[in-house]
Amino acid sequence: MIISILKKSAELFVTLIGITLLSFFIIHLVPGKPTDVYTELNPKITPEAIERLDKYYGLDKPIYVQYGKWIKRIVKLDFGDSFSTDHRPVWDKIKERIPITLSINIAGMIIIFLIAIPTGVISASHQNSLMDKVITVFVFIGFAIPSFWLALLCMMVFGVWLGILPVSGIKSMNYEMLGTFGKALDTSKHLLLPVILSAFGGIAGISRYMRGSMLEVIRQDYIITARAKGLSEFAVIYKHALRNALLPIITLLGLSVPGLIGGSVIFEQIFSIPGMGQLFYMSVMTRDYPLVMGILTIGAVLTLLGNILADIGYAIADPRIRHRG
């Protein structure tokens, strides 16, 4: 199994290089340049000044030369400096925002799996019952409602009409005057709506996957045999069937890892939360190449890491895969 993971890691490293290469070339195909923010609104700018700016940022070099310099920095774990007016290191910008985004998405993911897996199991074990139909209705409602519309509706209801929850930012104006418990409560109130809304659509999707996987497993011969031996329905479902039914969910869990930093772009924009999603959106709009590449690289690493974690999860859940590896 260890040898298999090492081989997989080597393959994924080559894949990572390919991802960064494609990403670097694609973002440079977007019309406009990072220096446009300094030149487009300045009627007195001269061609010589534009040329000096391009040279300062290294944009006068061929794109393959720019990529080579970027790779040399990445090997040293240096993402370079942002092209924005503050010229701060890219990593400094990322590390001050990533805890907020991770907090929102990890909390949302925990809620998703704590609710979706039992919901899918109950729906499958009570197939075609009233409970199954009610769950199905709620799931389809979750699929159908646009997340941004639901976010705006919740802001209006809980923030404007009822006034019980804040609708923007992560801190109140009097945050520094609060005690430790008050600060924690204030932050929790600010993040409550984003976390719940980020989990809402995921619950619908994962519960459907869980239901379909569970229905397929409980029709297998070994489940029929377990019931014929007189095992309780609880033991049949939760001890024998659930373990194998979780295999597709493990895949989804692995694919959810990159969403930990990029899965809340919409909610961070709507709720004005200074997280990675908002940072990525701003960097794309201003064509901040080093910042865009830094975030894309982290997302790519998390995607590949998710694949490795999914393989490990498969091996833990299914001994046949472990022995075959």
C-alpha atoms as a PDB file:
ATOM      1  CA  MET A   1       0.000   0.000   0.000  1.00  0.00           C
ATOM      2  CA  ILE A   2       2.861   2.389   0.860  1.00  0.00           C
ATOM      3  CA  ILE A   3       4.574   1.698  -2.476  1.00  0.00           C
ATOM      4  CA  SER A   4       1.297   2.355  -4.262  1.00  0.00           C
ATOM      5  CA  ILE A   5       0.906   5.708  -2.477  1.00  0.00           C
ATOM      6  CA  LEU A   6       4.495   6.692  -3.360  1.00  0.00           C
ATOM      7  CA  LYS A   7       3.891   5.869  -7.033  1.00  0.00           C
ATOM      8  CA  LYS A   8       0.664   7.823  -6.937  1.00  0.00           C
ATOM      9  CA  SER A   9       2.454  10.791  -5.354  1.00  0.00           C
ATOM     10  CA  ALA A  10       5.086  10.809  -8.123  1.00  0.00           C
ATOM     11  CA  GLU A  11       2.361  10.769 -10.779  1.00  0.00           C
ATOM     12  CA  LEU A  12       0.521  13.590  -9.060  1.00  0.00           C
ATOM     13  CA  PHE A  13       3.691  15.701  -8.887  1.00  0.00           C
ATOM     14  CA  VAL A  14       3.982  15.525 -12.679  1.00  0.00           C
ATOM     15  CA  THR A  15       0.281  16.383 -12.892  1.00  0.00           C
ATOM     16  CA  LEU A  16       0.859  19.406 -10.648  1.00  0.00           C
ATOM     17  CA  ILE A  17       3.542  20.728 -13.004  1.00  0.00           C
ATOM     18  CA  GLY A  18       1.120  20.339 -15.921  1.00  0.00           C
ATOM     19  CA  ILE A  19      -1.634  22.158 -14.034  1.00  0.00           C
ATOM     20  CA  THR A  20       0.603  25.114 -13.174  1.00  0.00           C
ATOM     21  CA  LEU A  21       1.891  25.289 -16.746  1.00  0.00           C
ATOM     22  CA  LEU A  22      -1.612  25.408 -18.235  1.00  0.00           C
ATOM     23  CA  SER A  23      -2.867  27.839 -15.589  1.00  0.00           C
ATOM     24  CA  PHE A  24       0.065  30.206 -16.146  1.00  0.00           C
ATOM     25  CA  PHE A  25      -0.430  30.322 -19.899  1.00  0.00           C
ATOM     26  CA  ILE A  26      -4.227  30.594 -19.722  1.00  0.00           C
ATOM     27  CA  ILE A  27      -4.321  33.555 -17.313  1.00  0.00           C
ATOM     28  CA  HIS A  28      -1.932  35.408 -19.625  1.00  0.00           C
ATOM     29  CA  LEU A  29      -4.387  34.926 -22.496  1.00  0.00           C
ATOM     30  CA  VAL A  30      -6.986  37.086 -20.713  1.00  0.00           C
ATOM     31  CA  PRO A  31      -7.240  40.527 -22.402  1.00  0.00           C
ATOM     32  CA  GLY A  32      -5.521  43.331 -20.559  1.00  0.00           C
ATOM     33  CA  LYS A  33      -2.479  43.524 -18.298  1.00  0.00           C
ATOM     34  CA  PRO A  34      -1.930  44.091 -14.572  1.00  0.00           C
ATOM     35  CA  THR A  35      -0.472  47.505 -15.356  1.00  0.00           C
ATOM     36  CA  ASP A  36      -3.798  48.679 -16.818  1.00  0.00           C
ATOM     37  CA  VAL A  37      -4.878  49.767 -13.339  1.00  0.00           C
ATOM     38  CA  TYR A  38      -2.087  52.369 -13.428  1.00  0.00           C
ATOM     39  CA  THR A  39      -2.349  53.388 -17.089  1.00  0.00           C
ATOM     40  CA  GLU A  40      -5.979  53.228 -18.287  1.00  0.00           C
ATOM     41  CA  LEU A  41      -7.235  55.999 -16.005  1.00  0.00           C
ATOM     42  CA  ASN A  42      -4.187  58.196 -16.417  1.00  0.00           C
ATOM     43  CA  PRO A  43      -4.408  60.281 -19.592  1.00  0.00           C
ATOM     44  CA  LYS A  44      -0.911  61.697 -19.011  1.00  0.00           C
ATOM     45  CA  ILE A  45       0.818  58.315 -19.016  1.00  0.00           C
ATOM     46  CA  THR A  46       3.485  58.033 -21.696  1.00  0.00           C
ATOM     47  CA  PRO A  47       4.475  54.952 -23.750  1.00  0.00           C
ATOM     48  CA  GLU A  48       7.876  55.075 -22.065  1.00  0.00           C
ATOM     49  CA  ALA A  49       6.256  54.909 -18.624  1.00  0.00           C
ATOM     50  CA  ILE A  50       4.128  51.945 -19.721  1.00  0.00           C
ATOM     51  CA  GLU A  51       7.249  50.217 -20.997  1.00  0.00           C
ATOM     52  CA  ARG A  52       9.032  50.816 -17.681  1.00  0.00           C
ATOM     53  CA  LEU A  53       6.076  49.357 -15.786  1.00  0.00           C
ATOM     54  CA  ASP A  54       6.073  46.245 -17.974  1.00  0.00           C
ATOM     55  CA  LYS A  55       9.799  45.839 -17.367  1.00  0.00           C
ATOM     56  CA  TYR A  56       9.388  46.370 -13.616  1.00  0.00           C
ATOM     57  CA  TYR A  57       6.838  43.538 -13.402  1.00  0.00           C
ATOM     58  CA  GLY A  58       8.730  41.338 -15.854  1.00  0.00           C
ATOM     59  CA  LEU A  59       5.898  41.451 -18.398  1.00  0.00           C
ATOM     60  CA  ASP A  60       8.286  42.416 -21.206  1.00  0.00           C
ATOM     61  CA  LYS A  61       9.816  38.919 -21.175  1.00  0.00           C
ATOM     62  CA  PRO A  62       8.430  36.011 -23.247  1.00  0.00           C
ATOM     63  CA  ILE A  63       5.831  34.014 -21.383  1.00  0.00           C
ATOM     64  CA  TYR A  64       8.000  30.894 -21.130  1.00  0.00           C
ATOM     65  CA  VAL A  65      10.723  32.982 -19.462  1.00  0.00           C
ATOM     66  CA  GLN A  66       8.173  34.349 -16.986  1.00  0.00           C
ATOM     67  CA  TYR A  67       7.014  30.814 -16.213  1.00  0.00           C
ATOM     68  CA  GLY A  68      10.606  29.649 -15.698  1.00  0.00           C
ATOM     69  CA  LYS A  69      11.231  32.422 -13.165  1.00  0.00           C
ATOM     70  CA  TRP A  70       7.973  31.601 -11.404  1.00  0.00           C
ATOM     71  CA  ILE A  71       8.900  27.898 -11.149  1.00  0.00           C
ATOM     72  CA  LYS A  72      12.308  28.787  -9.666  1.00  0.00           C
ATOM     73  CA  ARG A  73      10.548  30.778  -6.942  1.00  0.00           C
ATOM     74  CA  ILE A  74       7.972  28.062  -6.272  1.00  0.00           C
ATOM     75  CA  VAL A  75      10.718  25.495  -5.694  1.00  0.00           C
ATOM     76  CA  LYS A  76      11.818  27.739  -2.819  1.00  0.00           C
ATOM     77  CA  LEU A  77       8.156  28.038  -1.687  1.00  0.00           C
ATOM     78  CA  ASP A  78       8.177  31.693  -2.717  1.00  0.00           C
ATOM     79  CA  PHE A  79       4.996  32.862  -4.470  1.00  0.00           C
ATOM     80  CA  GLY A  80       6.506  36.256  -5.239  1.00  0.00           C
ATOM     81  CA  ASP A  81       5.038  39.696  -4.590  1.00  0.00           C
ATOM     82  CA  SER A  82       1.543  40.836  -5.496  1.00  0.00           C
ATOM     83  CA  PHE A  83       1.087  43.180  -8.465  1.00  0.00           C
ATOM     84  CA  SER A  84      -1.385  45.248  -6.442  1.00  0.00           C
ATOM     85  CA  THR A  85      -0.521  48.697  -5.129  1.00  0.00           C
ATOM     86  CA  ASP A  86       0.670  47.371  -1.760  1.00  0.00           C
ATOM     87  CA  HIS A  87       3.213  44.963  -3.377  1.00  0.00           C
ATOM     88  CA  ARG A  88       2.933  42.621  -0.403  1.00  0.00           C
ATOM     89  CA  PRO A  89       4.210  39.030  -0.621  1.00  0.00           C
ATOM     90  CA  VAL A  90       1.536  36.717  -2.014  1.00  0.00           C
ATOM     91  CA  TRP A  91       1.943  34.233   0.834  1.00  0.00           C
ATOM     92  CA  ASP A  92       1.341  36.967   3.434  1.00  0.00           C
ATOM     93  CA  LYS A  93      -1.956  37.848   1.748  1.00  0.00           C
ATOM     94  CA  ILE A  94      -2.997  34.200   1.557  1.00  0.00           C
ATOM     95  CA  LYS A  95      -2.089  33.188   5.111  1.00  0.00           C
ATOM     96  CA  GLU A  96      -4.048  36.055   6.684  1.00  0.00           C
ATOM     97  CA  ARG A  97      -7.218  35.064   4.838  1.00  0.00           C
ATOM     98  CA  ILE A  98      -7.027  31.295   4.639  1.00  0.00           C
ATOM     99  CA  PRO A  99      -8.050  30.624   8.299  1.00  0.00           C
ATOM    100  CA  ILE A 100     -11.386  32.391   7.731  1.00  0.00           C
ATOM    101  CA  THR A 101     -12.189  30.406   4.596  1.00  0.00           C
ATOM    102  CA  LEU A 102     -11.051  27.127   6.152  1.00  0.00           C
ATOM    103  CA  SER A 103     -13.241  27.767   9.197  1.00  0.00           C
ATOM    104  CA  ILE A 104     -16.319  28.362   7.053  1.00  0.00           C
ATOM    105  CA  ASN A 105     -15.784  25.427   4.694  1.00  0.00           C
ATOM    106  CA  ILE A 106     -14.653  22.882   7.293  1.00  0.00           C
ATOM    107  CA  ALA A 107     -17.654  23.724   9.474  1.00  0.00           C
ATOM    108  CA  GLY A 108     -19.909  23.498   6.412  1.00  0.00           C
ATOM    109  CA  MET A 109     -18.406  20.154   5.410  1.00  0.00           C
ATOM    110  CA  ILE A 110     -18.875  18.719   8.905  1.00  0.00           C
ATOM    111  CA  ILE A 111     -22.525  19.785   8.859  1.00  0.00           C
ATOM    112  CA  ILE A 112     -22.973  18.283   5.391  1.00  0.00           C
ATOM    113  CA  PHE A 113     -21.670  14.834   6.309  1.00  0.00           C
ATOM    114  CA  LEU A 114     -23.285  14.741   9.761  1.00  0.00           C
ATOM    115  CA  ILE A 115     -26.696  15.393   8.214  1.00  0.00           C
ATOM    116  CA  ALA A 116     -26.418  13.987   4.676  1.00  0.00           C
ATOM    117  CA  ILE A 117     -25.089  10.506   5.479  1.00  0.00           C
ATOM    118  CA  PRO A 118     -27.764   9.594   8.085  1.00  0.00           C
ATOM    119  CA  THR A 119     -30.421  11.191   5.860  1.00  0.00           C
ATOM    120  CA  GLY A 120     -29.338   9.090   2.861  1.00  0.00           C
ATOM    121  CA  VAL A 121     -29.220   5.904   4.943  1.00  0.00           C
ATOM    122  CA  ILE A 122     -32.672   6.500   6.444  1.00  0.00           C
ATOM    123  CA  SER A 123     -34.101   7.323   3.029  1.00  0.00           C
ATOM    124  CA  ALA A 124     -32.660   4.139   1.497  1.00  0.00           C
ATOM    125  CA  SER A 125     -33.636   1.843   4.376  1.00  0.00           C
ATOM    126  CA  HIS A 126     -37.224   3.197   4.205  1.00  0.00           C
ATOM    127  CA  GLN A 127     -37.479   3.228   0.428  1.00  0.00           C
ATOM    128  CA  ASN A 128     -40.823   4.457  -0.979  1.00  0.00           C
ATOM    129  CA  SER A 129     -42.140   5.202   2.499  1.00  0.00           C
ATOM    130  CA  LEU A 130     -43.651   8.536   3.537  1.00  0.00           C
ATOM    131  CA  MET A 131     -40.343   9.445   5.214  1.00  0.00           C
ATOM    132  CA  ASP A 132     -38.418   8.721   2.004  1.00  0.00           C
ATOM    133  CA  LYS A 133     -40.811  10.882  -0.021  1.00  0.00           C
ATOM    134  CA  VAL A 134     -40.604  13.788   2.429  1.00  0.00           C
ATOM    135  CA  ILE A 135     -36.799  13.633   2.394  1.00  0.00           C
ATOM    136  CA  THR A 136     -36.818  13.501  -1.412  1.00  0.00           C
ATOM    137  CA  VAL A 137     -38.977  16.628  -1.595  1.00  0.00           C
ATOM    138  CA  PHE A 138     -36.639  18.568   0.698  1.00  0.00           C
ATOM    139  CA  VAL A 139     -33.609  17.335  -1.260  1.00  0.00           C
ATOM    140  CA  PHE A 140     -35.031  18.523  -4.567  1.00  0.00           C
ATOM    141  CA  ILE A 141     -35.873  21.871  -2.986  1.00  0.00           C
ATOM    142  CA  GLY A 142     -32.231  22.094  -1.905  1.00  0.00           C
ATOM    143  CA  PHE A 143     -31.123  21.355  -5.466  1.00  0.00           C
ATOM    144  CA  ALA A 144     -33.534  23.838  -7.012  1.00  0.00           C
ATOM    145  CA  ILE A 145     -32.954  26.924  -4.848  1.00  0.00           C
ATOM    146  CA  PRO A 146     -30.075  29.104  -6.132  1.00  0.00           C
ATOM    147  CA  SER A 147     -27.568  29.582  -3.323  1.00  0.00           C
ATOM    148  CA  PHE A 148     -27.044  33.308  -3.976  1.00  0.00           C
ATOM    149  CA  TRP A 149     -30.814  33.944  -3.920  1.00  0.00           C
ATOM    150  CA  LEU A 150     -31.186  32.024  -0.669  1.00  0.00           C
ATOM    151  CA  ALA A 151     -28.288  34.000   0.821  1.00  0.00           C
ATOM    152  CA  LEU A 152     -29.923  37.310  -0.067  1.00  0.00           C
ATOM    153  CA  LEU A 153     -33.264  36.090   1.301  1.00  0.00           C
ATOM    154  CA  CYS A 154     -31.675  35.037   4.610  1.00  0.00           C
ATOM    155  CA  MET A 155     -29.896  38.381   4.857  1.00  0.00           C
ATOM    156  CA  MET A 156     -33.203  40.177   4.429  1.00  0.00           C
ATOM    157  CA  VAL A 157     -35.108  37.983   6.905  1.00  0.00           C
ATOM    158  CA  PHE A 158     -32.554  37.488   9.694  1.00  0.00           C
ATOM    159  CA  GLY A 159     -30.557  40.676   9.242  1.00  0.00           C
ATOM    160  CA  VAL A 160     -33.086  43.308   8.150  1.00  0.00           C
ATOM    161  CA  TRP A 161     -36.525  42.161   9.289  1.00  0.00           C
ATOM    162  CA  LEU A 162     -35.641  40.292  12.499  1.00  0.00           C
ATOM    163  CA  GLY A 163     -32.295  41.972  13.148  1.00  0.00           C
ATOM    164  CA  ILE A 164     -30.881  38.964  15.009  1.00  0.00           C
ATOM    165  CA  LEU A 165     -27.867  38.226  12.799  1.00  0.00           C
ATOM    166  CA  PRO A 166     -25.235  40.453  11.158  1.00  0.00           C
ATOM    167  CA  VAL A 167     -25.165  40.378   7.363  1.00  0.00           C
ATOM    168  CA  SER A 168     -21.606  41.432   6.497  1.00  0.00           C
ATOM    169  CA  GLY A 169     -18.050  41.050   7.667  1.00  0.00           C
ATOM    170  CA  ILE A 170     -16.775  38.838  10.485  1.00  0.00           C
ATOM    171  CA  LYS A 171     -16.570  41.380  13.293  1.00  0.00           C
ATOM    172  CA  SER A 172     -18.799  44.020  14.815  1.00  0.00           C
ATOM    173  CA  MET A 173     -17.631  47.605  15.253  1.00  0.00           C
ATOM    174  CA  ASN A 174     -17.278  47.111  19.031  1.00  0.00           C
ATOM    175  CA  TYR A 175     -15.383  43.810  18.636  1.00  0.00           C
ATOM    176  CA  GLU A 176     -12.189  45.023  20.390  1.00  0.00           C
ATOM    177  CA  MET A 177     -14.202  46.105  23.421  1.00  0.00           C
ATOM    178  CA  LEU A 178     -15.642  42.621  23.982  1.00  0.00           C
ATOM    179  CA  GLY A 179     -14.254  39.923  26.235  1.00  0.00           C
ATOM    180  CA  THR A 180     -12.981  36.540  25.056  1.00  0.00           C
ATOM    181  CA  PHE A 181     -16.419  34.920  25.147  1.00  0.00           C
ATOM    182  CA  GLY A 182     -18.012  37.986  23.579  1.00  0.00           C
ATOM    183  CA  LYS A 183     -15.529  37.952  20.700  1.00  0.00           C
ATOM    184  CA  ALA A 184     -16.139  34.264  20.058  1.00  0.00           C
ATOM    185  CA  LEU A 185     -19.912  34.802  20.135  1.00  0.00           C
ATOM    186  CA  ASP A 186     -19.676  37.820  17.836  1.00  0.00           C
ATOM    187  CA  THR A 187     -17.590  35.932  15.256  1.00  0.00           C
ATOM    188  CA  SER A 188     -19.917  32.935  15.468  1.00  0.00           C
ATOM    189  CA  LYS A 189     -22.958  35.119  14.779  1.00  0.00           C
ATOM    190  CA  HIS A 190     -21.240  36.615  11.727  1.00  0.00           C
ATOM    191  CA  LEU A 191     -20.287  33.196  10.346  1.00  0.00           C
ATOM    192  CA  LEU A 192     -23.547  31.378  11.140  1.00  0.00           C
ATOM    193  CA  LEU A 193     -25.394  32.256   7.921  1.00  0.00           C
ATOM    194  CA  PRO A 194     -22.403  31.675   5.582  1.00  0.00           C
ATOM    195  CA  VAL A 195     -21.695  28.267   7.148  1.00  0.00           C
ATOM    196  CA  ILE A 196     -25.309  27.077   7.021  1.00  0.00           C
ATOM    197  CA  LEU A 197     -25.825  28.329   3.484  1.00  0.00           C
ATOM    198  CA  SER A 198     -22.571  26.790   2.241  1.00  0.00           C
ATOM    199  CA  ALA A 199     -23.740  23.444   3.644  1.00  0.00           C
ATOM    200  CA  PHE A 200     -27.309  23.677   2.336  1.00  0.00           C
ATOM    201  CA  GLY A 201     -26.699  22.592  -1.250  1.00  0.00           C
ATOM    202  CA  GLY A 202     -24.093  20.016  -0.247  1.00  0.00           C
ATOM    203  CA  ILE A 203     -26.529  18.237   2.062  1.00  0.00           C
ATOM    204  CA  ALA A 204     -28.918  17.710  -0.848  1.00  0.00           C
ATOM    205  CA  GLY A 205     -26.241  16.304  -3.139  1.00  0.00           C
ATOM    206  CA  ILE A 206     -24.431  14.028  -0.661  1.00  0.00           C
ATOM    207  CA  SER A 207     -27.690  12.598   0.722  1.00  0.00           C
ATOM    208  CA  ARG A 208     -28.759  11.593  -2.810  1.00  0.00           C
ATOM    209  CA  TYR A 209     -25.402   9.931  -3.437  1.00  0.00           C
ATOM    210  CA  MET A 210     -25.654   8.150  -0.101  1.00  0.00           C
ATOM    211  CA  ARG A 211     -29.183   6.963  -0.809  1.00  0.00           C
ATOM    212  CA  GLY A 212     -28.270   5.585  -4.240  1.00  0.00           C
ATOM    213  CA  SER A 213     -25.147   3.859  -2.938  1.00  0.00           C
ATOM    214  CA  MET A 214     -27.033   2.390   0.014  1.00  0.00           C
ATOM    215  CA  LEU A 215     -29.836   1.045  -2.197  1.00  0.00           C
ATOM    216  CA  GLU A 216     -27.281  -0.687  -4.386  1.00  0.00           C
ATOM    217  CA  VAL A 217     -25.517  -2.271  -1.417  1.00  0.00           C
ATOM    218  CA  ILE A 218     -28.594  -3.532   0.442  1.00  0.00           C
ATOM    219  CA  ARG A 219     -29.615  -5.504  -2.656  1.00  0.00           C
ATOM    220  CA  GLN A 220     -26.375  -7.503  -2.573  1.00  0.00           C
ATOM    221  CA  ASP A 221     -26.411 -11.215  -1.702  1.00  0.00           C
ATOM    222  CA  TYR A 222     -24.355 -10.868   1.471  1.00  0.00           C
ATOM    223  CA  ILE A 223     -26.941  -8.441   2.906  1.00  0.00           C
ATOM    224  CA  ILE A 224     -29.730 -10.923   2.127  1.00  0.00           C
ATOM    225  CA  THR A 225     -27.638 -13.629   3.826  1.00  0.00           C
ATOM    226  CA  ALA A 226     -27.081 -11.451   6.893  1.00  0.00           C
ATOM    227  CA  ARG A 227     -30.826 -10.919   7.220  1.00  0.00           C
ATOM    228  CA  ALA A 228     -31.451 -14.646   6.741  1.00  0.00           C
ATOM    229  CA  LYS A 229     -29.122 -15.373   9.669  1.00  0.00           C
ATOM    230  CA  GLY A 230     -31.441 -13.364  11.888  1.00  0.00           C
ATOM    231  CA  LEU A 231     -29.303 -10.263  12.409  1.00  0.00           C
ATOM    232  CA  SER A 232     -31.147  -7.176  13.508  1.00  0.00           C
ATOM    233  CA  GLU A 233     -31.966  -4.568  10.876  1.00  0.00           C
ATOM    234  CA  PHE A 234     -29.737  -2.079  12.682  1.00  0.00           C
ATOM    235  CA  ALA A 235     -26.740  -4.461  12.476  1.00  0.00           C
ATOM    236  CA  VAL A 236     -27.431  -5.236   8.813  1.00  0.00           C
ATOM    237  CA  ILE A 237     -27.673  -1.581   7.797  1.00  0.00           C
ATOM    238  CA  TYR A 238     -25.109   0.127   9.996  1.00  0.00           C
ATOM    239  CA  LYS A 239     -22.542  -2.652  10.447  1.00  0.00           C
ATOM    240  CA  HIS A 240     -22.516  -4.481   7.114  1.00  0.00           C
ATOM    241  CA  ALA A 241     -24.082  -2.259   4.467  1.00  0.00           C
ATOM    242  CA  LEU A 242     -22.939   1.202   5.519  1.00  0.00           C
ATOM    243  CA  ARG A 243     -19.208   0.479   5.260  1.00  0.00           C
ATOM    244  CA  ASN A 244     -19.385  -0.498   1.597  1.00  0.00           C
ATOM    245  CA  ALA A 245     -21.937   2.195   0.789  1.00  0.00           C
ATOM    246  CA  LEU A 246     -19.476   4.823   1.995  1.00  0.00           C
ATOM    247  CA  LEU A 247     -16.951   4.118  -0.800  1.00  0.00           C
ATOM    248  CA  PRO A 248     -18.487   6.599  -3.299  1.00  0.00           C
ATOM    249  CA  ILE A 249     -18.816   9.157  -0.494  1.00  0.00           C
ATOM    250  CA  ILE A 250     -15.091   8.796   0.229  1.00  0.00           C
ATOM    251  CA  THR A 251     -14.445   9.820  -3.371  1.00  0.00           C
ATOM    252  CA  LEU A 252     -16.646  12.881  -2.924  1.00  0.00           C
ATOM    253  CA  LEU A 253     -14.867  13.691   0.336  1.00  0.00           C
ATOM    254  CA  GLY A 254     -11.533  13.624  -1.469  1.00  0.00           C
ATOM    255  CA  LEU A 255     -12.865  15.862  -4.217  1.00  0.00           C
ATOM    256  CA  SER A 256     -14.184  18.262  -1.559  1.00  0.00           C
ATOM    257  CA  VAL A 257     -10.687  19.048  -0.240  1.00  0.00           C
ATOM    258  CA  PRO A 258      -9.913  21.801  -2.818  1.00  0.00           C
ATOM    259  CA  GLY A 259     -13.267  23.368  -1.967  1.00  0.00           C
ATOM    260  CA  LEU A 260     -11.835  24.175   1.464  1.00  0.00           C
ATOM    261  CA  ILE A 261     -10.190  27.289   0.015  1.00  0.00           C
ATOM    262  CA  GLY A 262     -12.284  28.036  -3.064  1.00  0.00           C
ATOM    263  CA  GLY A 263     -15.742  26.797  -2.235  1.00  0.00           C
ATOM    264  CA  SER A 264     -17.130  29.974  -0.728  1.00  0.00           C
ATOM    265  CA  VAL A 265     -16.477  32.624  -3.378  1.00  0.00           C
ATOM    266  CA  ILE A 266     -20.169  33.529  -3.725  1.00  0.00           C
ATOM    267  CA  PHE A 267     -20.867  33.696   0.008  1.00  0.00           C
ATOM    268  CA  GLU A 268     -17.720  35.671   0.772  1.00  0.00           C
ATOM    269  CA  GLN A 269     -18.704  38.217  -1.861  1.00  0.00           C
ATOM    270  CA  ILE A 270     -22.309  38.462  -0.679  1.00  0.00           C
ATOM    271  CA  PHE A 271     -21.462  38.648   3.036  1.00  0.00           C
ATOM    272  CA  SER A 272     -18.290  40.757   2.520  1.00  0.00           C
ATOM    273  CA  ILE A 273     -16.134  38.182   4.284  1.00  0.00           C
ATOM    274  CA  PRO A 274     -12.386  38.762   3.814  1.00  0.00           C
ATOM    275  CA  GLY A 275     -11.530  35.196   2.889  1.00  0.00           C
ATOM    276  CA  MET A 276      -9.771  33.323   0.099  1.00  0.00           C
ATOM    277  CA  GLY A 277     -12.783  33.382  -2.206  1.00  0.00           C
ATOM    278  CA  GLN A 278     -13.007  37.160  -2.109  1.00  0.00           C
ATOM    279  CA  LEU A 279      -9.222  37.458  -2.492  1.00  0.00           C
ATOM    280  CA  PHE A 280      -9.256  35.200  -5.555  1.00  0.00           C
ATOM    281  CA  TYR A 281     -12.093  37.158  -7.146  1.00  0.00           C
ATOM    282  CA  MET A 282     -10.285  40.458  -6.604  1.00  0.00           C
ATOM    283  CA  SER A 283      -6.994  39.071  -7.937  1.00  0.00           C
ATOM    284  CA  VAL A 284      -8.674  37.832 -11.109  1.00  0.00           C
ATOM    285  CA  MET A 285     -10.433  41.141 -11.705  1.00  0.00           C
ATOM    286  CA  THR A 286      -7.166  43.086 -11.297  1.00  0.00           C
ATOM    287  CA  ARG A 287      -5.121  40.480 -13.217  1.00  0.00           C
ATOM    288  CA  ASP A 288      -2.756  40.039 -10.281  1.00  0.00           C
ATOM    289  CA  TYR A 289      -0.859  37.114 -11.852  1.00  0.00           C
ATOM    290  CA  PRO A 290       1.317  36.104  -8.860  1.00  0.00           C
ATOM    291  CA  LEU A 291      -1.681  36.096  -6.513  1.00  0.00           C
ATOM    292  CA  VAL A 292      -3.871  34.181  -8.980  1.00  0.00           C
ATOM    293  CA  MET A 293      -1.142  31.589  -9.514  1.00  0.00           C
ATOM    294  CA  GLY A 294      -0.511  31.289  -5.790  1.00  0.00           C
ATOM    295  CA  ILE A 295      -4.163  30.510  -5.064  1.00  0.00           C
ATOM    296  CA  LEU A 296      -4.481  28.192  -8.081  1.00  0.00           C
ATOM    297  CA  THR A 297      -1.360  26.298  -7.032  1.00  0.00           C
ATOM    298  CA  ILE A 298      -2.662  25.795  -3.506  1.00  0.00           C
ATOM    299  CA  GLY A 299      -5.984  24.629  -4.975  1.00  0.00           C
ATOM    300  CA  ALA A 300      -4.178  22.194  -7.283  1.00  0.00           C
ATOM    301  CA  VAL A 301      -2.117  20.791  -4.393  1.00  0.00           C
ATOM    302  CA  LEU A 302      -5.285  20.304  -2.344  1.00  0.00           C
ATOM    303  CA  THR A 303      -6.987  18.585  -5.299  1.00  0.00           C
ATOM    304  CA  LEU A 304      -4.120  16.127  -5.676  1.00  0.00           C
ATOM    305  CA  LEU A 305      -3.951  15.665  -1.912  1.00  0.00           C
ATOM    306  CA  GLY A 306      -7.663  14.863  -1.985  1.00  0.00           C
ATOM    307  CA  ASN A 307      -6.970  12.083  -4.501  1.00  0.00           C
ATOM    308  CA  ILE A 308      -4.358  10.548  -2.214  1.00  0.00           C
ATOM    309  CA  LEU A 309      -6.672  10.805   0.791  1.00  0.00           C
ATOM    310  CA  ALA A 310      -9.454   9.167  -1.222  1.00  0.00           C
ATOM    311  CA  ASP A 311      -7.149   6.245  -2.089  1.00  0.00           C
ATOM    312  CA  ILE A 312      -6.184   5.863   1.574  1.00  0.00           C
ATOM    313  CA  GLY A 313      -9.850   6.026   2.562  1.00  0.00           C
ATOM    314  CA  TYR A 314     -10.687   3.332   0.021  1.00  0.00           C
ATOM    315  CA  ALA A 315      -7.999   1.082   1.464  1.00  0.00           C
ATOM    316  CA  ILE A 316      -9.271   1.608   5.010  1.00  0.00           C
ATOM    317  CA  ALA A 317     -12.904   1.001   4.074  1.00  0.00           C
ATOM    318  CA  ASP A 318     -12.271  -1.966   1.756  1.00  0.00           C
ATOM    319  CA  PRO A 319      -9.508  -4.450   2.786  1.00  0.00           C
ATOM    320  CA  ARG A 320      -9.524  -5.947  -0.742  1.00  0.00           C
ATOM    321  CA  ILE A 321      -8.125  -2.664  -2.120  1.00  0.00           C
ATOM    322  CA  ARG A 322      -5.505  -2.557   0.661  1.00  0.00           C
ATOM    323  CA  HIS A 323      -4.252  -6.074  -0.036  1.00  0.00           C
ATOM    324  CA  ARG A 324      -4.288  -5.535  -3.796  1.00  0.00           C
ATOM    325  CA  GLY A 325      -2.196  -2.360  -3.382  1.00  0.00           C
END
